[in-house]
Amino acid sequence: MEDGPEGRTQGDGPVSDTEARSGSVQRPVDRRAAGAPARRAADRAATLSAANADLLRRIERLEGANSELEAFGEALAHDLSEGLGTIAFFSEALEDALGPGIEEPVRRQLDGIRAGVERGQALIEGALRTAERRDGAGPRHPVDANAVLDEALANLRASRELAGVAVNAEPLPAVSGERSELVRLFQNVLANAIRFRDRSRPPRVRIGTRRQGRRWRFEIADNGIGIDRGAASPSSDGPRERTAGGARPGVGLEVCRRIVEAHGGRLRLDPGPARSGTTVSFDLPAVEASPPRSARP
């Protein structure tokens, strides 16, 4: 019994033009081609599974490293606090030994020591609070940037006077942020300017601002030794060090970058021409309907 046209395939013998045009001939199925999409999907799934497993291993290593870093930070803060406590203890012992007839200049110096200890302790506690916050964001309030700058300058009084650094700042605006973190931000930037001053000329630091939409852009420019043009990133590894082309950014500016980013901004370094200083700029959220900027004394 012969098969009808529906049962014919190309392998059964010659195919007439009529059968080919009518589509009544069944083509043989290439089973390898039909299974290709399934194999590709399985390969993609296997690749994705391997990538996910690698990502999980990396996350576990990062979590372990973060835990070790937190423990180190807590131990370091404890040791620093102990050192500040020792300074406070001996300053009080010295005042008691000098008795009620202590001269006023000496009393002012001892008061300065105690004030420095209190500011140092506040900075340590602020750093610990920042480390404990996973997202890096803290409560924000209207903050007078003039007061923030004044506190940072007070913390750096000894090094400023020793280096003879002149700081000129225009009236600064109010911003929305966490005061202790903003003090750390200004203090770290200014400390870099003092440390890497050009000893061949009087050190100068200029601070200015300009409004950009809902944010204020701060610019802190110094006339120090400058920074390597090939390393103008605040997240470069290692301490900021002197090189043939200037200095490299280090840990202090990395702390600044994290603070600025926690306030929704961006920090950048602009190296000037050879040995003409560096400008550190960053933006902070403005206080809506903020009062006019107050004149600095």
C-alpha atoms as a PDB file:
ATOM      1  CA  MET A   1       0.000   0.000   0.000  1.00  0.00           C
ATOM      2  CA  GLU A   2       1.450   3.330  -1.081  1.00  0.00           C
ATOM      3  CA  ASP A   3       1.497   6.426   1.077  1.00  0.00           C
ATOM      4  CA  GLY A   4      -0.450   9.455  -0.085  1.00  0.00           C
ATOM      5  CA  PRO A   5       1.102  12.819  -0.727  1.00  0.00           C
ATOM      6  CA  GLU A   6       0.845  13.713   2.945  1.00  0.00           C
ATOM      7  CA  GLY A   7       3.215  10.871   3.818  1.00  0.00           C
ATOM      8  CA  ARG A   8       5.842  11.741   1.191  1.00  0.00           C
ATOM      9  CA  THR A   9       9.218  13.200   2.101  1.00  0.00           C
ATOM     10  CA  GLN A  10      12.087  14.342  -0.066  1.00  0.00           C
ATOM     11  CA  GLY A  11      13.914  11.138   0.760  1.00  0.00           C
ATOM     12  CA  ASP A  12      11.187   8.912  -0.783  1.00  0.00           C
ATOM     13  CA  GLY A  13      12.112   9.762  -4.347  1.00  0.00           C
ATOM     14  CA  PRO A  14      11.762  12.533  -6.862  1.00  0.00           C
ATOM     15  CA  VAL A  15       9.427  15.355  -5.907  1.00  0.00           C
ATOM     16  CA  SER A  16       7.339  16.914  -8.581  1.00  0.00           C
ATOM     17  CA  ASP A  17       7.186  20.688  -9.065  1.00  0.00           C
ATOM     18  CA  THR A  18       3.476  20.554  -8.195  1.00  0.00           C
ATOM     19  CA  GLU A  19       4.178  18.873  -4.851  1.00  0.00           C
ATOM     20  CA  ALA A  20       6.971  21.297  -4.023  1.00  0.00           C
ATOM     21  CA  ARG A  21       4.778  24.320  -4.804  1.00  0.00           C
ATOM     22  CA  SER A  22       1.778  22.976  -2.905  1.00  0.00           C
ATOM     23  CA  GLY A  23       3.865  22.372   0.252  1.00  0.00           C
ATOM     24  CA  SER A  24       2.591  18.819   0.530  1.00  0.00           C
ATOM     25  CA  VAL A  25       6.126  17.461   0.968  1.00  0.00           C
ATOM     26  CA  GLN A  26       7.315  17.073   4.577  1.00  0.00           C
ATOM     27  CA  ARG A  27      10.870  18.332   5.156  1.00  0.00           C
ATOM     28  CA  PRO A  28      13.143  16.285   7.471  1.00  0.00           C
ATOM     29  CA  VAL A  29      13.623  17.841  10.911  1.00  0.00           C
ATOM     30  CA  ASP A  30      17.178  18.842  11.990  1.00  0.00           C
ATOM     31  CA  ARG A  31      17.005  17.816  15.668  1.00  0.00           C
ATOM     32  CA  ARG A  32      20.378  19.430  16.477  1.00  0.00           C
ATOM     33  CA  ALA A  33      19.165  22.831  15.215  1.00  0.00           C
ATOM     34  CA  ALA A  34      15.901  22.478  17.124  1.00  0.00           C
ATOM     35  CA  GLY A  35      17.769  21.904  20.397  1.00  0.00           C
ATOM     36  CA  ALA A  36      20.184  24.827  19.977  1.00  0.00           C
ATOM     37  CA  PRO A  37      18.019  27.457  21.778  1.00  0.00           C
ATOM     38  CA  ALA A  38      17.622  25.154  24.776  1.00  0.00           C
ATOM     39  CA  ARG A  39      21.367  24.542  24.926  1.00  0.00           C
ATOM     40  CA  ARG A  40      22.085  28.261  24.708  1.00  0.00           C
ATOM     41  CA  ALA A  41      19.605  28.962  27.495  1.00  0.00           C
ATOM     42  CA  ALA A  42      21.210  26.276  29.655  1.00  0.00           C
ATOM     43  CA  ASP A  43      24.670  27.720  28.998  1.00  0.00           C
ATOM     44  CA  ARG A  44      23.481  31.220  29.964  1.00  0.00           C
ATOM     45  CA  ALA A  45      21.884  29.873  33.130  1.00  0.00           C
ATOM     46  CA  ALA A  46      25.104  28.072  34.084  1.00  0.00           C
ATOM     47  CA  THR A  47      27.187  31.200  33.427  1.00  0.00           C
ATOM     48  CA  LEU A  48      24.794  33.328  35.477  1.00  0.00           C
ATOM     49  CA  SER A  49      24.822  30.829  38.327  1.00  0.00           C
ATOM     50  CA  ALA A  50      28.630  30.839  38.406  1.00  0.00           C
ATOM     51  CA  ALA A  51      28.680  34.658  38.378  1.00  0.00           C
ATOM     52  CA  ASN A  52      26.186  34.775  41.260  1.00  0.00           C
ATOM     53  CA  ALA A  53      28.255  32.316  43.272  1.00  0.00           C
ATOM     54  CA  ASP A  54      31.385  34.416  42.694  1.00  0.00           C
ATOM     55  CA  LEU A  55      29.498  37.575  43.708  1.00  0.00           C
ATOM     56  CA  LEU A  56      28.325  35.934  46.936  1.00  0.00           C
ATOM     57  CA  ARG A  57      31.907  34.930  47.770  1.00  0.00           C
ATOM     58  CA  ARG A  58      33.066  38.496  47.165  1.00  0.00           C
ATOM     59  CA  ILE A  59      30.281  39.864  49.373  1.00  0.00           C
ATOM     60  CA  GLU A  60      31.271  37.498  52.181  1.00  0.00           C
ATOM     61  CA  ARG A  61      34.907  38.629  51.940  1.00  0.00           C
ATOM     62  CA  LEU A  62      33.867  42.294  51.965  1.00  0.00           C
ATOM     63  CA  GLU A  63      31.642  41.755  54.997  1.00  0.00           C
ATOM     64  CA  GLY A  64      34.545  40.103  56.796  1.00  0.00           C
ATOM     65  CA  ALA A  65      36.863  42.959  55.864  1.00  0.00           C
ATOM     66  CA  ASN A  66      34.292  45.523  57.029  1.00  0.00           C
ATOM     67  CA  SER A  67      33.931  43.770  60.376  1.00  0.00           C
ATOM     68  CA  GLU A  68      37.709  43.796  60.855  1.00  0.00           C
ATOM     69  CA  LEU A  69      37.872  47.468  59.869  1.00  0.00           C
ATOM     70  CA  GLU A  70      35.103  48.373  62.326  1.00  0.00           C
ATOM     71  CA  ALA A  71      36.903  46.545  65.126  1.00  0.00           C
ATOM     72  CA  PHE A  72      40.149  48.317  64.234  1.00  0.00           C
ATOM     73  CA  GLY A  73      38.371  51.696  64.203  1.00  0.00           C
ATOM     74  CA  GLU A  74      36.839  51.089  67.608  1.00  0.00           C
ATOM     75  CA  ALA A  75      40.213  50.055  69.066  1.00  0.00           C
ATOM     76  CA  LEU A  76      41.909  53.082  67.520  1.00  0.00           C
ATOM     77  CA  ALA A  77      39.226  55.427  68.852  1.00  0.00           C
ATOM     78  CA  HIS A  78      39.636  53.903  72.319  1.00  0.00           C
ATOM     79  CA  ASP A  79      43.415  54.410  72.233  1.00  0.00           C
ATOM     80  CA  LEU A  80      43.047  57.995  71.016  1.00  0.00           C
ATOM     81  CA  SER A  81      40.507  58.728  73.744  1.00  0.00           C
ATOM     82  CA  GLU A  82      42.887  57.331  76.338  1.00  0.00           C
ATOM     83  CA  GLY A  83      45.612  59.623  75.053  1.00  0.00           C
ATOM     84  CA  LEU A  84      43.331  62.659  75.231  1.00  0.00           C
ATOM     85  CA  GLY A  85      42.330  61.668  78.747  1.00  0.00           C
ATOM     86  CA  THR A  86      45.977  61.552  79.777  1.00  0.00           C
ATOM     87  CA  ILE A  87      46.550  65.051  78.368  1.00  0.00           C
ATOM     88  CA  ALA A  88      43.515  66.371  80.245  1.00  0.00           C
ATOM     89  CA  PHE A  89      44.652  64.707  83.483  1.00  0.00           C
ATOM     90  CA  PHE A  90      48.145  66.192  83.432  1.00  0.00           C
ATOM     91  CA  SER A  91      46.897  69.644  82.430  1.00  0.00           C
ATOM     92  CA  GLU A  92      44.579  69.634  85.456  1.00  0.00           C
ATOM     93  CA  ALA A  93      47.400  68.331  87.684  1.00  0.00           C
ATOM     94  CA  LEU A  94      49.649  71.136  86.439  1.00  0.00           C
ATOM     95  CA  GLU A  95      46.976  73.731  87.185  1.00  0.00           C
ATOM     96  CA  ASP A  96      46.540  72.356  90.705  1.00  0.00           C
ATOM     97  CA  ALA A  97      50.306  72.397  91.265  1.00  0.00           C
ATOM     98  CA  LEU A  98      50.563  76.016  90.169  1.00  0.00           C
ATOM     99  CA  GLY A  99      47.885  76.947  92.691  1.00  0.00           C
ATOM    100  CA  PRO A 100      45.566  79.954  92.823  1.00  0.00           C
ATOM    101  CA  GLY A 101      48.351  82.396  91.931  1.00  0.00           C
ATOM    102  CA  ILE A 102      48.686  81.069  88.408  1.00  0.00           C
ATOM    103  CA  GLU A 103      49.472  83.751  85.844  1.00  0.00           C
ATOM    104  CA  GLU A 104      46.786  84.608  83.313  1.00  0.00           C
ATOM    105  CA  PRO A 105      48.807  83.684  80.178  1.00  0.00           C
ATOM    106  CA  VAL A 106      49.477  80.235  81.662  1.00  0.00           C
ATOM    107  CA  ARG A 107      45.800  79.834  82.571  1.00  0.00           C
ATOM    108  CA  ARG A 108      44.786  80.660  78.987  1.00  0.00           C
ATOM    109  CA  GLN A 109      47.189  78.062  77.665  1.00  0.00           C
ATOM    110  CA  LEU A 110      45.778  75.417  79.995  1.00  0.00           C
ATOM    111  CA  ASP A 111      42.250  76.384  78.949  1.00  0.00           C
ATOM    112  CA  GLY A 112      43.371  75.947  75.343  1.00  0.00           C
ATOM    113  CA  ILE A 113      44.648  72.455  76.130  1.00  0.00           C
ATOM    114  CA  ARG A 114      41.319  71.453  77.694  1.00  0.00           C
ATOM    115  CA  ALA A 115      39.351  72.919  74.800  1.00  0.00           C
ATOM    116  CA  GLY A 116      41.539  71.016  72.342  1.00  0.00           C
ATOM    117  CA  VAL A 117      40.950  67.785  74.240  1.00  0.00           C
ATOM    118  CA  GLU A 118      37.181  68.318  74.138  1.00  0.00           C
ATOM    119  CA  ARG A 119      37.235  69.047  70.402  1.00  0.00           C
ATOM    120  CA  GLY A 120      39.377  65.994  69.763  1.00  0.00           C
ATOM    121  CA  GLN A 121      36.992  63.798  71.726  1.00  0.00           C
ATOM    122  CA  ALA A 122      34.037  65.190  69.788  1.00  0.00           C
ATOM    123  CA  LEU A 123      35.770  64.414  66.492  1.00  0.00           C
ATOM    124  CA  ILE A 124      36.487  60.830  67.589  1.00  0.00           C
ATOM    125  CA  GLU A 125      32.865  60.293  68.609  1.00  0.00           C
ATOM    126  CA  GLY A 126      31.664  61.780  65.322  1.00  0.00           C
ATOM    127  CA  ALA A 127      33.949  59.485  63.343  1.00  0.00           C
ATOM    128  CA  LEU A 128      32.606  56.459  65.227  1.00  0.00           C
ATOM    129  CA  ARG A 129      29.011  57.491  64.531  1.00  0.00           C
ATOM    130  CA  THR A 130      29.838  57.796  60.840  1.00  0.00           C
ATOM    131  CA  ALA A 131      31.468  54.352  60.785  1.00  0.00           C
ATOM    132  CA  GLU A 132      28.407  52.793  62.440  1.00  0.00           C
ATOM    133  CA  ARG A 133      26.059  54.119  59.755  1.00  0.00           C
ATOM    134  CA  ARG A 134      26.015  51.734  56.842  1.00  0.00           C
ATOM    135  CA  ASP A 135      24.518  54.251  54.401  1.00  0.00           C
ATOM    136  CA  GLY A 136      26.807  57.080  55.542  1.00  0.00           C
ATOM    137  CA  ALA A 137      23.860  59.441  55.980  1.00  0.00           C
ATOM    138  CA  GLY A 138      22.972  61.111  59.240  1.00  0.00           C
ATOM    139  CA  PRO A 139      20.352  63.593  60.415  1.00  0.00           C
ATOM    140  CA  ARG A 140      20.590  66.909  58.608  1.00  0.00           C
ATOM    141  CA  HIS A 141      19.897  70.325  60.024  1.00  0.00           C
ATOM    142  CA  PRO A 142      20.532  73.898  58.886  1.00  0.00           C
ATOM    143  CA  VAL A 143      24.204  74.588  59.600  1.00  0.00           C
ATOM    144  CA  ASP A 144      26.027  77.906  59.384  1.00  0.00           C
ATOM    145  CA  ALA A 145      29.133  77.178  57.317  1.00  0.00           C
ATOM    146  CA  ASN A 146      30.869  80.192  58.918  1.00  0.00           C
ATOM    147  CA  ALA A 147      30.605  78.532  62.337  1.00  0.00           C
ATOM    148  CA  VAL A 148      31.806  75.229  60.864  1.00  0.00           C
ATOM    149  CA  LEU A 149      34.853  76.915  59.382  1.00  0.00           C
ATOM    150  CA  ASP A 150      35.594  78.752  62.638  1.00  0.00           C
ATOM    151  CA  GLU A 151      35.550  75.461  64.561  1.00  0.00           C
ATOM    152  CA  ALA A 152      37.794  73.746  62.039  1.00  0.00           C
ATOM    153  CA  LEU A 153      40.252  76.664  62.200  1.00  0.00           C
ATOM    154  CA  ALA A 154      40.203  76.541  66.007  1.00  0.00           C
ATOM    155  CA  ASN A 155      41.065  72.840  65.890  1.00  0.00           C
ATOM    156  CA  LEU A 156      44.017  73.646  63.615  1.00  0.00           C
ATOM    157  CA  ARG A 157      45.176  76.719  65.519  1.00  0.00           C
ATOM    158  CA  ALA A 158      48.558  75.347  66.581  1.00  0.00           C
ATOM    159  CA  SER A 159      49.536  74.066  63.137  1.00  0.00           C
ATOM    160  CA  ARG A 160      48.240  77.225  61.441  1.00  0.00           C
ATOM    161  CA  GLU A 161      50.247  79.524  63.678  1.00  0.00           C
ATOM    162  CA  LEU A 162      53.359  77.370  63.415  1.00  0.00           C
ATOM    163  CA  ALA A 163      53.168  77.372  59.603  1.00  0.00           C
ATOM    164  CA  GLY A 164      52.059  81.003  59.339  1.00  0.00           C
ATOM    165  CA  VAL A 165      49.120  80.129  57.088  1.00  0.00           C
ATOM    166  CA  ALA A 166      46.692  82.938  56.231  1.00  0.00           C
ATOM    167  CA  VAL A 167      43.095  81.833  55.556  1.00  0.00           C
ATOM    168  CA  ASN A 168      40.831  84.266  53.694  1.00  0.00           C
ATOM    169  CA  ALA A 169      37.161  83.321  53.430  1.00  0.00           C
ATOM    170  CA  GLU A 170      34.219  85.185  52.022  1.00  0.00           C
ATOM    171  CA  PRO A 171      30.916  85.095  53.958  1.00  0.00           C
ATOM    172  CA  LEU A 172      29.682  81.522  53.781  1.00  0.00           C
ATOM    173  CA  PRO A 173      26.067  80.330  53.398  1.00  0.00           C
ATOM    174  CA  ALA A 174      23.922  78.066  55.526  1.00  0.00           C
ATOM    175  CA  VAL A 175      23.769  74.472  54.314  1.00  0.00           C
ATOM    176  CA  SER A 176      21.804  71.368  55.219  1.00  0.00           C
ATOM    177  CA  GLY A 177      23.989  68.757  56.857  1.00  0.00           C
ATOM    178  CA  GLU A 178      25.460  67.155  59.939  1.00  0.00           C
ATOM    179  CA  ARG A 179      27.596  69.698  61.741  1.00  0.00           C
ATOM    180  CA  SER A 180      30.263  67.380  63.157  1.00  0.00           C
ATOM    181  CA  GLU A 181      30.817  65.792  59.755  1.00  0.00           C
ATOM    182  CA  LEU A 182      31.112  69.169  58.053  1.00  0.00           C
ATOM    183  CA  VAL A 183      33.706  70.247  60.622  1.00  0.00           C
ATOM    184  CA  ARG A 184      35.702  67.117  59.774  1.00  0.00           C
ATOM    185  CA  LEU A 185      35.353  67.915  56.069  1.00  0.00           C
ATOM    186  CA  PHE A 186      36.702  71.465  56.372  1.00  0.00           C
ATOM    187  CA  GLN A 187      39.366  70.438  58.868  1.00  0.00           C
ATOM    188  CA  ASN A 188      40.763  67.667  56.657  1.00  0.00           C
ATOM    189  CA  VAL A 189      40.912  69.887  53.573  1.00  0.00           C
ATOM    190  CA  LEU A 190      42.592  72.721  55.489  1.00  0.00           C
ATOM    191  CA  ALA A 191      45.005  70.333  57.205  1.00  0.00           C
ATOM    192  CA  ASN A 192      46.165  69.133  53.777  1.00  0.00           C
ATOM    193  CA  ALA A 193      46.682  72.727  52.646  1.00  0.00           C
ATOM    194  CA  ILE A 194      48.786  73.428  55.744  1.00  0.00           C
ATOM    195  CA  ARG A 195      50.798  70.246  55.565  1.00  0.00           C
ATOM    196  CA  PHE A 196      51.647  70.561  51.878  1.00  0.00           C
ATOM    197  CA  ARG A 197      52.404  74.255  51.764  1.00  0.00           C
ATOM    198  CA  ASP A 198      55.161  75.607  49.557  1.00  0.00           C
ATOM    199  CA  ARG A 199      57.900  76.682  51.963  1.00  0.00           C
ATOM    200  CA  SER A 200      59.359  79.079  49.426  1.00  0.00           C
ATOM    201  CA  ARG A 201      56.448  81.517  49.776  1.00  0.00           C
ATOM    202  CA  PRO A 202      53.939  82.609  52.431  1.00  0.00           C
ATOM    203  CA  PRO A 203      51.145  79.995  52.559  1.00  0.00           C
ATOM    204  CA  ARG A 204      47.666  81.240  51.652  1.00  0.00           C
ATOM    205  CA  VAL A 205      44.255  79.588  51.555  1.00  0.00           C
ATOM    206  CA  ARG A 206      41.207  81.156  49.892  1.00  0.00           C
ATOM    207  CA  ILE A 207      37.639  79.919  50.476  1.00  0.00           C
ATOM    208  CA  GLY A 208      34.747  80.910  48.235  1.00  0.00           C
ATOM    209  CA  THR A 209      31.295  79.677  47.232  1.00  0.00           C
ATOM    210  CA  ARG A 210      28.756  79.989  44.471  1.00  0.00           C
ATOM    211  CA  ARG A 211      25.132  78.874  44.212  1.00  0.00           C
ATOM    212  CA  GLN A 212      24.289  76.039  41.829  1.00  0.00           C
ATOM    213  CA  GLY A 213      20.568  75.347  41.822  1.00  0.00           C
ATOM    214  CA  ARG A 214      19.634  73.814  45.162  1.00  0.00           C
ATOM    215  CA  ARG A 215      23.240  73.369  46.242  1.00  0.00           C
ATOM    216  CA  TRP A 216      26.234  75.476  47.237  1.00  0.00           C
ATOM    217  CA  ARG A 217      29.596  74.792  45.627  1.00  0.00           C
ATOM    218  CA  PHE A 218      32.557  75.397  47.952  1.00  0.00           C
ATOM    219  CA  GLU A 219      36.066  75.992  46.614  1.00  0.00           C
ATOM    220  CA  ILE A 220      39.120  75.859  48.894  1.00  0.00           C
ATOM    221  CA  ALA A 221      42.239  76.922  47.001  1.00  0.00           C
ATOM    222  CA  ASP A 222      45.801  76.905  48.345  1.00  0.00           C
ATOM    223  CA  ASN A 223      49.146  78.007  46.919  1.00  0.00           C
ATOM    224  CA  GLY A 224      51.006  74.918  48.103  1.00  0.00           C
ATOM    225  CA  ILE A 225      53.154  72.400  46.262  1.00  0.00           C
ATOM    226  CA  GLY A 226      50.217  71.245  44.168  1.00  0.00           C
ATOM    227  CA  ILE A 227      49.119  67.729  43.359  1.00  0.00           C
ATOM    228  CA  ASP A 228      50.153  65.215  40.728  1.00  0.00           C
ATOM    229  CA  ARG A 229      48.005  65.700  37.640  1.00  0.00           C
ATOM    230  CA  GLY A 230      48.036  61.944  37.121  1.00  0.00           C
ATOM    231  CA  ALA A 231      46.677  61.325  40.626  1.00  0.00           C
ATOM    232  CA  ALA A 232      43.967  63.976  40.976  1.00  0.00           C
ATOM    233  CA  SER A 233      41.485  61.571  42.526  1.00  0.00           C
ATOM    234  CA  PRO A 234      40.534  61.826  46.208  1.00  0.00           C
ATOM    235  CA  SER A 235      40.245  58.030  46.391  1.00  0.00           C
ATOM    236  CA  SER A 236      43.864  57.263  45.495  1.00  0.00           C
ATOM    237  CA  ASP A 237      45.461  54.722  47.803  1.00  0.00           C
ATOM    238  CA  GLY A 238      48.076  55.561  50.378  1.00  0.00           C
ATOM    239  CA  PRO A 239      48.975  58.750  52.218  1.00  0.00           C
ATOM    240  CA  ARG A 240      49.332  61.992  50.378  1.00  0.00           C
ATOM    241  CA  GLU A 241      53.065  62.160  49.700  1.00  0.00           C
ATOM    242  CA  ARG A 242      55.499  64.578  48.128  1.00  0.00           C
ATOM    243  CA  THR A 243      56.583  63.627  44.601  1.00  0.00           C
ATOM    244  CA  ALA A 244      58.407  65.309  41.771  1.00  0.00           C
ATOM    245  CA  GLY A 245      55.129  66.751  40.550  1.00  0.00           C
ATOM    246  CA  GLY A 246      53.627  67.610  43.921  1.00  0.00           C
ATOM    247  CA  ALA A 247      51.574  65.531  46.347  1.00  0.00           C
ATOM    248  CA  ARG A 248      49.213  62.601  46.001  1.00  0.00           C
ATOM    249  CA  PRO A 249      45.762  62.594  47.629  1.00  0.00           C
ATOM    250  CA  GLY A 250      45.357  60.109  50.456  1.00  0.00           C
ATOM    251  CA  VAL A 251      43.308  58.993  53.426  1.00  0.00           C
ATOM    252  CA  GLY A 252      42.269  62.478  54.576  1.00  0.00           C
ATOM    253  CA  LEU A 253      40.686  63.369  51.251  1.00  0.00           C
ATOM    254  CA  GLU A 254      39.065  59.947  51.014  1.00  0.00           C
ATOM    255  CA  VAL A 255      37.295  60.753  54.297  1.00  0.00           C
ATOM    256  CA  CYS A 256      36.235  64.081  52.771  1.00  0.00           C
ATOM    257  CA  ARG A 257      34.883  62.337  49.678  1.00  0.00           C
ATOM    258  CA  ARG A 258      32.754  60.001  51.784  1.00  0.00           C
ATOM    259  CA  ILE A 259      31.342  62.895  53.807  1.00  0.00           C
ATOM    260  CA  VAL A 260      30.465  64.893  50.686  1.00  0.00           C
ATOM    261  CA  GLU A 261      28.860  61.884  48.987  1.00  0.00           C
ATOM    262  CA  ALA A 262      26.835  61.172  52.149  1.00  0.00           C
ATOM    263  CA  HIS A 263      25.433  64.699  51.679  1.00  0.00           C
ATOM    264  CA  GLY A 264      24.539  63.929  48.067  1.00  0.00           C
ATOM    265  CA  GLY A 265      27.476  65.796  46.538  1.00  0.00           C
ATOM    266  CA  ARG A 266      30.752  65.267  44.757  1.00  0.00           C
ATOM    267  CA  LEU A 267      34.306  66.234  45.693  1.00  0.00           C
ATOM    268  CA  ARG A 268      36.957  66.998  43.101  1.00  0.00           C
ATOM    269  CA  LEU A 269      40.567  68.165  42.969  1.00  0.00           C
ATOM    270  CA  ASP A 270      41.774  70.684  40.410  1.00  0.00           C
ATOM    271  CA  PRO A 271      45.572  70.852  40.217  1.00  0.00           C
ATOM    272  CA  GLY A 272      46.917  74.156  38.960  1.00  0.00           C
ATOM    273  CA  PRO A 273      49.951  74.619  36.722  1.00  0.00           C
ATOM    274  CA  ALA A 274      53.293  73.405  38.059  1.00  0.00           C
ATOM    275  CA  ARG A 275      53.703  74.306  41.734  1.00  0.00           C
ATOM    276  CA  SER A 276      50.758  76.660  41.810  1.00  0.00           C
ATOM    277  CA  GLY A 277      48.588  74.919  44.408  1.00  0.00           C
ATOM    278  CA  THR A 278      45.403  72.892  44.410  1.00  0.00           C
ATOM    279  CA  THR A 279      41.702  73.707  44.523  1.00  0.00           C
ATOM    280  CA  VAL A 280      39.441  71.299  46.406  1.00  0.00           C
ATOM    281  CA  SER A 281      35.790  71.803  45.486  1.00  0.00           C
ATOM    282  CA  PHE A 282      32.642  70.134  46.767  1.00  0.00           C
ATOM    283  CA  ASP A 283      28.925  70.816  46.842  1.00  0.00           C
ATOM    284  CA  LEU A 284      26.498  70.699  49.761  1.00  0.00           C
ATOM    285  CA  PRO A 285      22.694  71.041  49.881  1.00  0.00           C
ATOM    286  CA  ALA A 286      21.434  74.579  50.359  1.00  0.00           C
ATOM    287  CA  VAL A 287      18.934  75.519  53.035  1.00  0.00           C
ATOM    288  CA  GLU A 288      15.774  76.566  51.243  1.00  0.00           C
ATOM    289  CA  ALA A 289      14.742  80.152  51.962  1.00  0.00           C
ATOM    290  CA  SER A 290      17.999  80.599  53.874  1.00  0.00           C
ATOM    291  CA  PRO A 291      18.813  84.044  55.260  1.00  0.00           C
ATOM    292  CA  PRO A 292      21.476  86.181  53.548  1.00  0.00           C
ATOM    293  CA  ARG A 293      25.061  85.160  54.196  1.00  0.00           C
ATOM    294  CA  SER A 294      26.449  86.824  57.276  1.00  0.00           C
ATOM    295  CA  ALA A 295      29.639  88.828  57.043  1.00  0.00           C
ATOM    296  CA  ARG A 296      32.671  87.157  58.566  1.00  0.00           C
ATOM    297  CA  PRO A 297      34.560  89.052  61.277  1.00  0.00           C
END
